[in-house]
Protein backbone atom coordinates (compact mmCIF):
# COMPACT_ATOMS: atom_id res chain seq x y z
CA UNK A 1 -9.47 4.54 13.42
CA UNK A 2 -12.42 5.75 11.51
CA UNK A 3 -14.27 3.76 9.08
CA UNK A 4 -13.57 5.88 6.25
CA UNK A 5 -9.71 5.56 7.02
CA UNK A 6 -10.33 1.87 7.52
CA UNK A 7 -12.16 1.51 3.99
CA UNK A 8 -9.25 3.45 2.34
CA UNK A 9 -6.34 1.38 3.88
CA UNK A 10 -8.29 -1.61 2.88
CA UNK A 11 -8.53 -0.47 -0.88
CA UNK A 12 -5.05 0.40 -0.54
CA UNK A 13 -4.00 -2.98 0.60
CA UNK A 14 -6.28 -4.63 -2.11
CA UNK A 15 -4.70 -2.72 -4.66
CA UNK A 16 -1.08 -3.31 -3.74
CA UNK A 17 -1.69 -7.03 -2.98
CA UNK A 18 -3.09 -7.44 -6.49
CA UNK A 19 -0.04 -5.53 -7.97
CA UNK A 20 2.67 -7.39 -5.83
CA UNK A 21 1.04 -10.73 -6.78
CA UNK A 22 1.22 -9.76 -10.47
CA UNK A 23 4.94 -8.81 -9.84
CA UNK A 24 5.71 -12.15 -8.34
CA UNK A 25 4.16 -13.94 -11.19
CA UNK A 26 6.27 -12.03 -13.60
CA UNK A 27 9.33 -12.80 -11.42
CA UNK A 28 9.93 -8.74 -10.94
CA UNK A 29 11.90 -8.65 -7.73
CA UNK A 30 12.87 -5.07 -7.93
CA UNK A 31 9.23 -4.18 -8.73
CA UNK A 32 8.10 -6.29 -5.75
CA UNK A 33 10.34 -4.34 -3.48
CA UNK A 34 9.58 -0.95 -4.80
CA UNK A 35 5.57 -1.51 -4.51
CA UNK A 36 6.22 -2.71 -0.84
CA UNK A 37 8.08 0.34 -0.10
CA UNK A 38 5.73 2.49 -1.76
CA UNK A 39 2.68 0.86 0.19
CA UNK A 40 4.20 1.35 3.33
CA UNK A 41 4.68 5.06 2.78
CA UNK A 42 1.17 5.60 1.32
CA UNK A 43 -0.42 3.79 4.20
CA UNK A 44 1.57 5.76 6.85
CA UNK A 45 0.70 9.05 5.05
CA UNK A 46 -3.01 8.01 5.02
CA UNK A 47 -2.93 7.21 8.72
CA UNK A 48 -0.90 10.25 9.92
CA UNK A 49 -2.55 12.56 7.46
CA UNK A 50 -1.28 15.52 6.01
CA UNK A 51 0.32 16.91 9.10
CA UNK A 52 1.58 13.78 10.67
CA UNK A 53 1.57 13.14 14.32
């Protein structure tokens, strides 16, 4: 994994960690699930690139 990709993944992780923690504090279970799914999708797109594997 390249350093720029690792940096982008870390930034994505940091963002979603903050957002999920805020949703947990607010008790918004549906938002927690949605953020989790969205994070997975965005991370996979970042890793596989525009064309995928």
